Amino acid sequence: MIDPWDKTICDRKFDILPDGLQKIEHSIILTVIGGNDIDFGKHFLLEKHNTLLGRDDGNDIAISDEKVSKVHCKISITRTSQDVEQVFIKDLESTNGTYVNGERIEQSPIHGGDKIQVGDTVLSLSYSDELEKEYHAKLFNYAVRDTHTGLYNRRFIINELESINRIARRSNRAFSIIIIDIDDFKQINDCYGHLAGDEYLKSFAELLTKTLREQDITGRIGGEEFLVILPETTIEGAFQLAIRIRKNAEDFVLNHLSFKIKTTISAGVCQYENAIRDVNELIDIADQALYEAKRSGKNNVMQALLADRK
């Protein structure tokens, strides 16, 4: 009879137990549990024999922490002849070191529950079956998703913008943003009720998502205001995409009870440039273009250039 609490059994990966019972295959997961807000809550599935962790995007796990070296450490998974998994972590001559449970290491085995610190970032190692993975994924979604639209919430989308901004500043790569505001949204709430307003927000979020590319990121940053991040995109491409979004919104009709509800959107577009100090300034520039679109009669898209600023 197998003891279900025997750790060697818990660490094994096989489909059929010796007594014929089916066993769910376990996965090895690293979850960010401490440090900067940008990566907090992210979890990474360790599927490769060797996984590189560091600050650069080329790593298998990229951590947005300036105290993490470009290539900081390596996590390796080995299996014995009995198919028992062993996980090791090796520091790759990082500037600030790699720590396991508070102790600096050069190379060390790690186990479920161990805490790994690189820079200011703390990660926890765990073994999860499919049900547990789904549970943790749902918890993460609850933390980063807006409840009304299903898009990313303000905190998460701004953190993503911070991360992309840092990458662009280091590597001189282009990206643009679009800020969108639903025109006369208050009138929907006033004329048809807040349930209609909520339904319109959700429907517009779906319309917006279908218009974007896979690599684009979008979130709700205010009552009826949305932010779209477009990696590797110049202002010309962002402007054309914003026009498509505006046209799709103009054509959209929400059927709510016996009513047909229509409105439009206005948008401001801005491309990142090195002269922009931080993401707050970038958002402010796009906001100014949005306000200009509103002043010009709504249902409009305006692009902002640094040369246009007073």
C-alpha atoms as a PDB file:
ATOM      1  CA  MET A   1       0.000   0.000   0.000  1.00  0.00           C
ATOM      2  CA  ILE A   2       1.395   3.421  -0.984  1.00  0.00           C
ATOM      3  CA  ASP A   3       1.602   6.146   1.603  1.00  0.00           C
ATOM      4  CA  PRO A   4       0.089   9.237  -0.157  1.00  0.00           C
ATOM      5  CA  TRP A   5       2.163  11.534   2.051  1.00  0.00           C
ATOM      6  CA  ASP A   6       5.480   9.938   1.050  1.00  0.00           C
ATOM      7  CA  LYS A   7       7.481  12.808  -0.530  1.00  0.00           C
ATOM      8  CA  THR A   8       9.255  10.541  -3.002  1.00  0.00           C
ATOM      9  CA  ILE A   9       5.864   9.514  -4.358  1.00  0.00           C
ATOM     10  CA  CYS A  10       4.650  13.133  -4.486  1.00  0.00           C
ATOM     11  CA  ASP A  11       7.748  14.098  -6.491  1.00  0.00           C
ATOM     12  CA  ARG A  12       7.318  11.399  -9.113  1.00  0.00           C
ATOM     13  CA  LYS A  13       5.688  11.926 -12.495  1.00  0.00           C
ATOM     14  CA  PHE A  14       3.890   8.865 -13.819  1.00  0.00           C
ATOM     15  CA  ASP A  15       0.478   8.057 -15.218  1.00  0.00           C
ATOM     16  CA  ILE A  16      -0.463   4.870 -13.343  1.00  0.00           C
ATOM     17  CA  LEU A  17       0.291   4.124  -9.697  1.00  0.00           C
ATOM     18  CA  PRO A  18       1.459   0.576  -8.824  1.00  0.00           C
ATOM     19  CA  ASP A  19      -1.987  -0.273  -7.409  1.00  0.00           C
ATOM     20  CA  GLY A  20      -3.635   0.749 -10.702  1.00  0.00           C
ATOM     21  CA  LEU A  21      -4.956   4.169  -9.606  1.00  0.00           C
ATOM     22  CA  GLN A  22      -4.697   7.087 -12.028  1.00  0.00           C
ATOM     23  CA  LYS A  23      -2.439   9.964 -10.920  1.00  0.00           C
ATOM     24  CA  ILE A  24      -2.514  13.545 -12.192  1.00  0.00           C
ATOM     25  CA  GLU A  25       0.875  14.639 -13.534  1.00  0.00           C
ATOM     26  CA  HIS A  26       2.477  17.412 -11.509  1.00  0.00           C
ATOM     27  CA  SER A  27       4.033  20.585 -12.883  1.00  0.00           C
ATOM     28  CA  ILE A  28       6.788  22.716 -11.373  1.00  0.00           C
ATOM     29  CA  ILE A  29       5.874  26.379 -11.025  1.00  0.00           C
ATOM     30  CA  LEU A  30       7.707  29.520  -9.938  1.00  0.00           C
ATOM     31  CA  THR A  31       5.454  32.307  -8.625  1.00  0.00           C
ATOM     32  CA  VAL A  32       6.540  35.892  -7.900  1.00  0.00           C
ATOM     33  CA  ILE A  33       5.448  36.553  -4.297  1.00  0.00           C
ATOM     34  CA  GLY A  34       7.494  39.615  -3.374  1.00  0.00           C
ATOM     35  CA  GLY A  35       9.323  42.596  -4.812  1.00  0.00           C
ATOM     36  CA  ASN A  36       8.187  45.066  -7.452  1.00  0.00           C
ATOM     37  CA  ASP A  37       4.515  45.330  -8.385  1.00  0.00           C
ATOM     38  CA  ILE A  38       5.153  44.822 -12.099  1.00  0.00           C
ATOM     39  CA  ASP A  39       5.821  41.077 -11.813  1.00  0.00           C
ATOM     40  CA  PHE A  40       3.898  40.344  -8.598  1.00  0.00           C
ATOM     41  CA  GLY A  41       1.620  37.329  -8.960  1.00  0.00           C
ATOM     42  CA  LYS A  42       3.100  36.121 -12.244  1.00  0.00           C
ATOM     43  CA  HIS A  43       3.782  32.418 -12.407  1.00  0.00           C
ATOM     44  CA  PHE A  44       6.116  30.521 -14.689  1.00  0.00           C
ATOM     45  CA  LEU A  45       5.870  26.846 -15.643  1.00  0.00           C
ATOM     46  CA  LEU A  46       9.268  25.108 -15.617  1.00  0.00           C
ATOM     47  CA  GLU A  47       9.061  22.752 -18.599  1.00  0.00           C
ATOM     48  CA  LYS A  48      12.615  22.846 -19.980  1.00  0.00           C
ATOM     49  CA  HIS A  49      15.654  20.986 -18.731  1.00  0.00           C
ATOM     50  CA  ASN A  50      17.390  24.348 -18.223  1.00  0.00           C
ATOM     51  CA  THR A  51      15.584  27.652 -17.601  1.00  0.00           C
ATOM     52  CA  LEU A  52      17.423  30.979 -17.633  1.00  0.00           C
ATOM     53  CA  LEU A  53      16.199  33.796 -15.394  1.00  0.00           C
ATOM     54  CA  GLY A  54      17.320  37.405 -15.703  1.00  0.00           C
ATOM     55  CA  ARG A  55      16.439  40.984 -16.612  1.00  0.00           C
ATOM     56  CA  ASP A  56      16.841  40.691 -20.396  1.00  0.00           C
ATOM     57  CA  ASP A  57      13.881  39.708 -22.563  1.00  0.00           C
ATOM     58  CA  GLY A  58      15.894  36.858 -24.073  1.00  0.00           C
ATOM     59  CA  ASN A  59      15.681  34.861 -20.845  1.00  0.00           C
ATOM     60  CA  ASP A  60      13.075  32.136 -20.368  1.00  0.00           C
ATOM     61  CA  ILE A  61      11.913  34.117 -17.317  1.00  0.00           C
ATOM     62  CA  ALA A  62      12.360  37.886 -17.637  1.00  0.00           C
ATOM     63  CA  ILE A  63      12.155  39.823 -14.362  1.00  0.00           C
ATOM     64  CA  SER A  64      11.593  43.609 -14.383  1.00  0.00           C
ATOM     65  CA  ASP A  65      13.987  44.377 -11.533  1.00  0.00           C
ATOM     66  CA  GLU A  66      17.001  46.641 -12.014  1.00  0.00           C
ATOM     67  CA  LYS A  67      18.910  44.727  -9.310  1.00  0.00           C
ATOM     68  CA  VAL A  68      18.611  41.512 -11.326  1.00  0.00           C
ATOM     69  CA  SER A  69      21.508  40.856 -13.713  1.00  0.00           C
ATOM     70  CA  LYS A  70      20.891  40.528 -17.450  1.00  0.00           C
ATOM     71  CA  VAL A  71      21.331  36.750 -17.126  1.00  0.00           C
ATOM     72  CA  HIS A  72      21.118  36.095 -13.404  1.00  0.00           C
ATOM     73  CA  CYS A  73      20.699  32.375 -12.679  1.00  0.00           C
ATOM     74  CA  LYS A  74      19.826  29.002 -14.192  1.00  0.00           C
ATOM     75  CA  ILE A  75      17.272  26.477 -12.943  1.00  0.00           C
ATOM     76  CA  SER A  76      17.820  22.868 -14.001  1.00  0.00           C
ATOM     77  CA  ILE A  77      15.542  19.840 -13.726  1.00  0.00           C
ATOM     78  CA  THR A  78      17.035  16.356 -13.671  1.00  0.00           C
ATOM     79  CA  ARG A  79      15.360  12.969 -13.367  1.00  0.00           C
ATOM     80  CA  THR A  80      16.836   9.820 -11.869  1.00  0.00           C
ATOM     81  CA  SER A  81      16.300   6.331 -13.259  1.00  0.00           C
ATOM     82  CA  GLN A  82      13.315   6.055 -10.887  1.00  0.00           C
ATOM     83  CA  ASP A  83      11.860   9.209 -12.566  1.00  0.00           C
ATOM     84  CA  VAL A  84      12.211  11.283  -9.399  1.00  0.00           C
ATOM     85  CA  GLU A  85      12.578  14.957 -10.208  1.00  0.00           C
ATOM     86  CA  GLN A  86      15.348  17.045  -8.719  1.00  0.00           C
ATOM     87  CA  VAL A  87      15.520  20.795  -9.197  1.00  0.00           C
ATOM     88  CA  PHE A  88      18.733  22.804  -8.889  1.00  0.00           C
ATOM     89  CA  ILE A  89      19.454  26.520  -9.111  1.00  0.00           C
ATOM     90  CA  LYS A  90      22.847  27.955 -10.104  1.00  0.00           C
ATOM     91  CA  ASP A  91      23.948  31.574  -9.841  1.00  0.00           C
ATOM     92  CA  LEU A  92      25.540  32.808 -13.089  1.00  0.00           C
ATOM     93  CA  GLU A  93      27.995  35.270 -11.516  1.00  0.00           C
ATOM     94  CA  SER A  94      25.226  37.787 -10.927  1.00  0.00           C
ATOM     95  CA  THR A  95      26.069  41.188  -9.454  1.00  0.00           C
ATOM     96  CA  ASN A  96      23.772  40.949  -6.433  1.00  0.00           C
ATOM     97  CA  GLY A  97      23.705  37.198  -5.914  1.00  0.00           C
ATOM     98  CA  THR A  98      21.044  34.485  -5.769  1.00  0.00           C
ATOM     99  CA  TYR A  99      19.495  33.502  -2.438  1.00  0.00           C
ATOM    100  CA  VAL A 100      17.545  30.401  -1.388  1.00  0.00           C
ATOM    101  CA  ASN A 101      15.593  30.769   1.866  1.00  0.00           C
ATOM    102  CA  GLY A 102      17.725  33.771   2.804  1.00  0.00           C
ATOM    103  CA  GLU A 103      21.135  32.180   2.159  1.00  0.00           C
ATOM    104  CA  ARG A 104      23.363  33.213  -0.735  1.00  0.00           C
ATOM    105  CA  ILE A 105      24.208  30.263  -2.953  1.00  0.00           C
ATOM    106  CA  GLU A 106      26.377  29.412  -5.933  1.00  0.00           C
ATOM    107  CA  GLN A 107      24.482  26.201  -6.661  1.00  0.00           C
ATOM    108  CA  SER A 108      21.805  24.502  -4.579  1.00  0.00           C
ATOM    109  CA  PRO A 109      18.955  21.994  -4.801  1.00  0.00           C
ATOM    110  CA  ILE A 110      15.514  23.580  -4.333  1.00  0.00           C
ATOM    111  CA  HIS A 111      12.251  22.016  -3.212  1.00  0.00           C
ATOM    112  CA  GLY A 112       8.571  22.825  -3.026  1.00  0.00           C
ATOM    113  CA  GLY A 113       8.000  25.815  -0.742  1.00  0.00           C
ATOM    114  CA  ASP A 114      11.533  27.193  -1.076  1.00  0.00           C
ATOM    115  CA  LYS A 115      11.881  30.959  -1.530  1.00  0.00           C
ATOM    116  CA  ILE A 116      14.304  32.229  -4.179  1.00  0.00           C
ATOM    117  CA  GLN A 117      15.442  35.857  -4.139  1.00  0.00           C
ATOM    118  CA  VAL A 118      17.038  37.651  -7.083  1.00  0.00           C
ATOM    119  CA  GLY A 119      17.497  41.385  -6.614  1.00  0.00           C
ATOM    120  CA  ASP A 120      14.386  42.598  -4.778  1.00  0.00           C
ATOM    121  CA  THR A 121      12.215  39.888  -6.352  1.00  0.00           C
ATOM    122  CA  VAL A 122      11.150  36.801  -4.391  1.00  0.00           C
ATOM    123  CA  LEU A 123       9.801  33.682  -6.109  1.00  0.00           C
ATOM    124  CA  SER A 124       8.300  30.553  -4.561  1.00  0.00           C
ATOM    125  CA  LEU A 125       8.760  27.064  -6.001  1.00  0.00           C
ATOM    126  CA  SER A 126       5.731  24.767  -5.961  1.00  0.00           C
ATOM    127  CA  TYR A 127       4.436  21.529  -7.452  1.00  0.00           C
ATOM    128  CA  SER A 128       0.930  21.795  -8.888  1.00  0.00           C
ATOM    129  CA  ASP A 129      -1.469  19.457 -10.642  1.00  0.00           C
ATOM    130  CA  GLU A 130      -3.831  20.659 -13.369  1.00  0.00           C
ATOM    131  CA  LEU A 131      -6.567  21.597 -10.893  1.00  0.00           C
ATOM    132  CA  GLU A 132      -4.154  23.647  -8.784  1.00  0.00           C
ATOM    133  CA  LYS A 133      -2.754  25.367 -11.882  1.00  0.00           C
ATOM    134  CA  GLU A 134      -6.257  26.360 -12.930  1.00  0.00           C
ATOM    135  CA  TYR A 135      -6.953  27.649  -9.417  1.00  0.00           C
ATOM    136  CA  HIS A 136      -3.823  29.814  -9.357  1.00  0.00           C
ATOM    137  CA  ALA A 137      -4.547  31.094 -12.869  1.00  0.00           C
ATOM    138  CA  LYS A 138      -8.019  32.156 -11.732  1.00  0.00           C
ATOM    139  CA  LEU A 139      -6.592  33.917  -8.672  1.00  0.00           C
ATOM    140  CA  PHE A 140      -4.155  35.786 -10.910  1.00  0.00           C
ATOM    141  CA  ASN A 141      -6.972  36.795 -13.264  1.00  0.00           C
ATOM    142  CA  TYR A 142      -9.078  38.065 -10.365  1.00  0.00           C
ATOM    143  CA  ALA A 143      -6.129  40.238  -9.317  1.00  0.00           C
ATOM    144  CA  VAL A 144      -5.386  41.744 -12.754  1.00  0.00           C
ATOM    145  CA  ARG A 145      -8.747  41.808 -14.564  1.00  0.00           C
ATOM    146  CA  ASP A 146     -11.417  44.504 -14.515  1.00  0.00           C
ATOM    147  CA  THR A 147     -14.660  42.943 -13.287  1.00  0.00           C
ATOM    148  CA  HIS A 148     -16.945  44.791 -15.731  1.00  0.00           C
ATOM    149  CA  THR A 149     -15.047  44.283 -18.987  1.00  0.00           C
ATOM    150  CA  GLY A 150     -12.668  41.360 -18.452  1.00  0.00           C
ATOM    151  CA  LEU A 151      -9.810  43.552 -19.704  1.00  0.00           C
ATOM    152  CA  TYR A 152      -6.732  44.226 -17.608  1.00  0.00           C
ATOM    153  CA  ASN A 153      -7.324  46.632 -14.733  1.00  0.00           C
ATOM    154  CA  ARG A 154      -5.576  49.977 -14.354  1.00  0.00           C
ATOM    155  CA  ARG A 155      -2.888  48.731 -11.973  1.00  0.00           C
ATOM    156  CA  PHE A 156      -1.808  45.881 -14.233  1.00  0.00           C
ATOM    157  CA  ILE A 157      -1.917  47.743 -17.557  1.00  0.00           C
ATOM    158  CA  ILE A 158       0.122  50.641 -16.145  1.00  0.00           C
ATOM    159  CA  ASN A 159       2.662  48.161 -14.790  1.00  0.00           C
ATOM    160  CA  GLU A 160       2.891  46.584 -18.251  1.00  0.00           C
ATOM    161  CA  LEU A 161       3.411  50.036 -19.745  1.00  0.00           C
ATOM    162  CA  GLU A 162       6.231  50.688 -17.243  1.00  0.00           C
ATOM    163  CA  SER A 163       7.903  47.433 -18.279  1.00  0.00           C
ATOM    164  CA  ILE A 164       7.615  48.103 -22.024  1.00  0.00           C
ATOM    165  CA  ASN A 165       8.832  51.659 -21.493  1.00  0.00           C
ATOM    166  CA  ARG A 166      11.989  50.409 -19.750  1.00  0.00           C
ATOM    167  CA  ILE A 167      12.676  47.937 -22.556  1.00  0.00           C
ATOM    168  CA  ALA A 168      12.206  50.658 -25.183  1.00  0.00           C
ATOM    169  CA  ARG A 169      14.533  53.032 -23.313  1.00  0.00           C
ATOM    170  CA  ARG A 170      17.275  50.387 -23.101  1.00  0.00           C
ATOM    171  CA  SER A 171      16.968  48.981 -26.617  1.00  0.00           C
ATOM    172  CA  ASN A 172      15.601  51.976 -28.567  1.00  0.00           C
ATOM    173  CA  ARG A 173      12.608  49.950 -29.775  1.00  0.00           C
ATOM    174  CA  ALA A 174       9.431  51.656 -30.929  1.00  0.00           C
ATOM    175  CA  PHE A 175       6.042  51.367 -29.277  1.00  0.00           C
ATOM    176  CA  SER A 176       2.892  53.458 -29.247  1.00  0.00           C
ATOM    177  CA  ILE A 177      -0.200  53.854 -27.108  1.00  0.00           C
ATOM    178  CA  ILE A 178      -3.826  54.737 -27.761  1.00  0.00           C
ATOM    179  CA  ILE A 179      -6.102  56.251 -25.118  1.00  0.00           C
ATOM    180  CA  ILE A 180      -9.794  55.781 -25.923  1.00  0.00           C
ATOM    181  CA  ASP A 181     -12.822  57.424 -24.342  1.00  0.00           C
ATOM    182  CA  ILE A 182     -16.440  56.474 -25.074  1.00  0.00           C
ATOM    183  CA  ASP A 183     -18.287  59.598 -26.205  1.00  0.00           C
ATOM    184  CA  ASP A 184     -21.355  60.676 -24.196  1.00  0.00           C
ATOM    185  CA  PHE A 185     -21.245  57.544 -22.046  1.00  0.00           C
ATOM    186  CA  LYS A 186     -23.087  59.327 -19.226  1.00  0.00           C
ATOM    187  CA  GLN A 187     -26.103  59.651 -21.501  1.00  0.00           C
ATOM    188  CA  ILE A 188     -26.302  55.853 -21.825  1.00  0.00           C
ATOM    189  CA  ASN A 189     -26.478  55.537 -18.039  1.00  0.00           C
ATOM    190  CA  ASP A 190     -28.942  58.421 -17.722  1.00  0.00           C
ATOM    191  CA  CYS A 191     -31.272  57.320 -20.540  1.00  0.00           C
ATOM    192  CA  TYR A 192     -31.141  53.518 -20.286  1.00  0.00           C
ATOM    193  CA  GLY A 193     -29.797  52.786 -16.798  1.00  0.00           C
ATOM    194  CA  HIS A 194     -26.515  51.591 -15.366  1.00  0.00           C
ATOM    195  CA  LEU A 195     -27.111  47.977 -16.412  1.00  0.00           C
ATOM    196  CA  ALA A 196     -27.189  49.166 -20.016  1.00  0.00           C
ATOM    197  CA  GLY A 197     -23.991  51.133 -19.375  1.00  0.00           C
ATOM    198  CA  ASP A 198     -22.270  48.053 -17.947  1.00  0.00           C
ATOM    199  CA  GLU A 199     -23.428  45.968 -20.902  1.00  0.00           C
ATOM    200  CA  TYR A 200     -22.100  48.558 -23.349  1.00  0.00           C
ATOM    201  CA  LEU A 201     -18.716  48.604 -21.592  1.00  0.00           C
ATOM    202  CA  LYS A 202     -18.462  44.823 -21.837  1.00  0.00           C
ATOM    203  CA  SER A 203     -19.524  44.780 -25.487  1.00  0.00           C
ATOM    204  CA  PHE A 204     -17.075  47.545 -26.396  1.00  0.00           C
ATOM    205  CA  ALA A 205     -14.267  45.657 -24.619  1.00  0.00           C
ATOM    206  CA  GLU A 206     -15.039  42.594 -26.772  1.00  0.00           C
ATOM    207  CA  LEU A 207     -15.119  44.736 -29.924  1.00  0.00           C
ATOM    208  CA  LEU A 208     -11.792  46.325 -28.936  1.00  0.00           C
ATOM    209  CA  THR A 209     -10.113  42.982 -28.249  1.00  0.00           C
ATOM    210  CA  LYS A 210     -11.208  41.553 -31.613  1.00  0.00           C
ATOM    211  CA  THR A 211      -9.667  44.552 -33.401  1.00  0.00           C
ATOM    212  CA  LEU A 212      -6.216  44.180 -31.790  1.00  0.00           C
ATOM    213  CA  ARG A 213      -3.303  41.936 -32.685  1.00  0.00           C
ATOM    214  CA  GLU A 214      -2.178  39.099 -30.426  1.00  0.00           C
ATOM    215  CA  GLN A 215       0.812  41.064 -29.093  1.00  0.00           C
ATOM    216  CA  ASP A 216      -1.211  44.185 -28.240  1.00  0.00           C
ATOM    217  CA  ILE A 217      -2.245  44.819 -24.630  1.00  0.00           C
ATOM    218  CA  THR A 218      -5.348  46.666 -23.496  1.00  0.00           C
ATOM    219  CA  GLY A 219      -6.964  47.601 -20.207  1.00  0.00           C
ATOM    220  CA  ARG A 220      -9.614  49.809 -18.641  1.00  0.00           C
ATOM    221  CA  ILE A 221      -8.037  52.766 -16.854  1.00  0.00           C
ATOM    222  CA  GLY A 222     -11.130  54.761 -15.923  1.00  0.00           C
ATOM    223  CA  GLY A 223     -14.907  54.727 -16.014  1.00  0.00           C
ATOM    224  CA  GLU A 224     -15.196  54.725 -19.818  1.00  0.00           C
ATOM    225  CA  GLU A 225     -11.514  55.177 -20.664  1.00  0.00           C
ATOM    226  CA  PHE A 226      -9.208  52.517 -22.108  1.00  0.00           C
ATOM    227  CA  LEU A 227      -5.481  52.220 -22.748  1.00  0.00           C
ATOM    228  CA  VAL A 228      -4.027  50.193 -25.628  1.00  0.00           C
ATOM    229  CA  ILE A 229      -0.282  49.386 -25.726  1.00  0.00           C
ATOM    230  CA  LEU A 230       1.130  48.553 -29.162  1.00  0.00           C
ATOM    231  CA  PRO A 231       4.638  47.027 -28.988  1.00  0.00           C
ATOM    232  CA  GLU A 232       6.927  47.435 -32.014  1.00  0.00           C
ATOM    233  CA  THR A 233       4.490  49.948 -33.543  1.00  0.00           C
ATOM    234  CA  THR A 234       5.131  53.450 -34.875  1.00  0.00           C
ATOM    235  CA  ILE A 235       2.607  56.243 -34.581  1.00  0.00           C
ATOM    236  CA  GLU A 236       1.485  55.747 -38.194  1.00  0.00           C
ATOM    237  CA  GLY A 237       0.486  52.131 -37.530  1.00  0.00           C
ATOM    238  CA  ALA A 238      -1.128  53.074 -34.214  1.00  0.00           C
ATOM    239  CA  PHE A 239      -3.102  55.861 -35.892  1.00  0.00           C
ATOM    240  CA  GLN A 240      -4.487  53.508 -38.548  1.00  0.00           C
ATOM    241  CA  LEU A 241      -5.473  50.980 -35.872  1.00  0.00           C
ATOM    242  CA  ALA A 242      -7.202  53.701 -33.840  1.00  0.00           C
ATOM    243  CA  ILE A 243      -9.191  54.713 -36.924  1.00  0.00           C
ATOM    244  CA  ARG A 244     -10.323  51.080 -37.336  1.00  0.00           C
ATOM    245  CA  ILE A 245     -11.412  50.965 -33.695  1.00  0.00           C
ATOM    246  CA  ARG A 246     -13.309  54.251 -34.121  1.00  0.00           C
ATOM    247  CA  LYS A 247     -15.097  52.960 -37.244  1.00  0.00           C
ATOM    248  CA  ASN A 248     -16.022  49.642 -35.570  1.00  0.00           C
ATOM    249  CA  ALA A 249     -17.416  51.519 -32.569  1.00  0.00           C
ATOM    250  CA  GLU A 250     -19.402  53.845 -34.827  1.00  0.00           C
ATOM    251  CA  ASP A 251     -20.986  50.842 -36.594  1.00  0.00           C
ATOM    252  CA  PHE A 252     -21.737  48.941 -33.388  1.00  0.00           C
ATOM    253  CA  VAL A 253     -25.312  48.761 -32.054  1.00  0.00           C
ATOM    254  CA  LEU A 254     -26.122  47.354 -28.597  1.00  0.00           C
ATOM    255  CA  ASN A 255     -29.524  45.699 -28.392  1.00  0.00           C
ATOM    256  CA  HIS A 256     -30.630  46.203 -24.797  1.00  0.00           C
ATOM    257  CA  LEU A 257     -34.205  45.223 -23.918  1.00  0.00           C
ATOM    258  CA  SER A 258     -36.242  47.005 -26.597  1.00  0.00           C
ATOM    259  CA  PHE A 259     -33.606  49.702 -27.180  1.00  0.00           C
ATOM    260  CA  LYS A 260     -30.886  50.041 -29.806  1.00  0.00           C
ATOM    261  CA  ILE A 261     -28.003  51.912 -28.209  1.00  0.00           C
ATOM    262  CA  LYS A 262     -25.325  53.611 -30.307  1.00  0.00           C
ATOM    263  CA  THR A 263     -22.493  55.965 -29.518  1.00  0.00           C
ATOM    264  CA  THR A 264     -18.958  56.702 -30.708  1.00  0.00           C
ATOM    265  CA  ILE A 265     -15.426  56.899 -29.330  1.00  0.00           C
ATOM    266  CA  SER A 266     -12.632  59.448 -29.442  1.00  0.00           C
ATOM    267  CA  ALA A 267      -8.950  58.517 -29.224  1.00  0.00           C
ATOM    268  CA  GLY A 268      -5.505  60.031 -28.767  1.00  0.00           C
ATOM    269  CA  VAL A 269      -2.399  58.335 -30.162  1.00  0.00           C
ATOM    270  CA  CYS A 270       1.226  58.814 -29.093  1.00  0.00           C
ATOM    271  CA  GLN A 271       4.530  57.107 -29.902  1.00  0.00           C
ATOM    272  CA  TYR A 272       7.221  56.697 -27.263  1.00  0.00           C
ATOM    273  CA  GLU A 273      10.325  58.829 -27.775  1.00  0.00           C
ATOM    274  CA  ASN A 274      13.479  59.102 -25.669  1.00  0.00           C
ATOM    275  CA  ALA A 275      12.655  62.710 -24.808  1.00  0.00           C
ATOM    276  CA  ILE A 276       9.603  61.526 -22.841  1.00  0.00           C
ATOM    277  CA  ARG A 277      10.613  61.269 -19.188  1.00  0.00           C
ATOM    278  CA  ASP A 278       8.265  58.530 -17.954  1.00  0.00           C
ATOM    279  CA  VAL A 279       4.959  56.782 -18.599  1.00  0.00           C
ATOM    280  CA  ASN A 280       2.996  59.505 -16.832  1.00  0.00           C
ATOM    281  CA  GLU A 281       4.230  62.037 -19.380  1.00  0.00           C
ATOM    282  CA  LEU A 282       3.526  59.589 -22.225  1.00  0.00           C
ATOM    283  CA  ILE A 283      -0.061  59.136 -21.021  1.00  0.00           C
ATOM    284  CA  ASP A 284      -0.448  62.884 -20.561  1.00  0.00           C
ATOM    285  CA  ILE A 285       0.614  63.517 -24.178  1.00  0.00           C
ATOM    286  CA  ALA A 286      -1.857  60.932 -25.479  1.00  0.00           C
ATOM    287  CA  ASP A 287      -4.527  62.436 -23.210  1.00  0.00           C
ATOM    288  CA  GLN A 288      -3.949  65.860 -24.757  1.00  0.00           C
ATOM    289  CA  ALA A 289      -4.516  64.362 -28.203  1.00  0.00           C
ATOM    290  CA  LEU A 290      -7.690  62.691 -26.896  1.00  0.00           C
ATOM    291  CA  TYR A 291      -9.004  65.994 -25.558  1.00  0.00           C
ATOM    292  CA  GLU A 292      -8.284  67.600 -28.925  1.00  0.00           C
ATOM    293  CA  ALA A 293     -10.317  64.813 -30.586  1.00  0.00           C
ATOM    294  CA  LYS A 294     -13.183  65.601 -28.197  1.00  0.00           C
ATOM    295  CA  ARG A 295     -12.952  69.346 -28.862  1.00  0.00           C
ATOM    296  CA  SER A 296     -13.048  68.762 -32.615  1.00  0.00           C
ATOM    297  CA  GLY A 297     -16.519  67.228 -32.388  1.00  0.00           C
ATOM    298  CA  LYS A 298     -15.949  63.712 -30.956  1.00  0.00           C
ATOM    299  CA  ASN A 299     -15.995  60.485 -33.005  1.00  0.00           C
ATOM    300  CA  ASN A 300     -12.436  61.367 -33.957  1.00  0.00           C
ATOM    301  CA  VAL A 301      -8.800  60.264 -33.641  1.00  0.00           C
ATOM    302  CA  MET A 302      -5.881  62.624 -33.078  1.00  0.00           C
ATOM    303  CA  GLN A 303      -2.178  61.803 -32.991  1.00  0.00           C
ATOM    304  CA  ALA A 304       0.256  63.640 -30.741  1.00  0.00           C
ATOM    305  CA  LEU A 305       3.831  64.479 -31.654  1.00  0.00           C
ATOM    306  CA  LEU A 306       6.420  66.001 -29.348  1.00  0.00           C
ATOM    307  CA  ALA A 307       6.882  68.840 -31.811  1.00  0.00           C
ATOM    308  CA  ASP A 308       3.245  69.791 -31.265  1.00  0.00           C
ATOM    309  CA  ARG A 309       3.661  70.349 -27.520  1.00  0.00           C
ATOM    310  CA  LYS A 310       3.784  73.854 -26.194  1.00  0.00           C
END
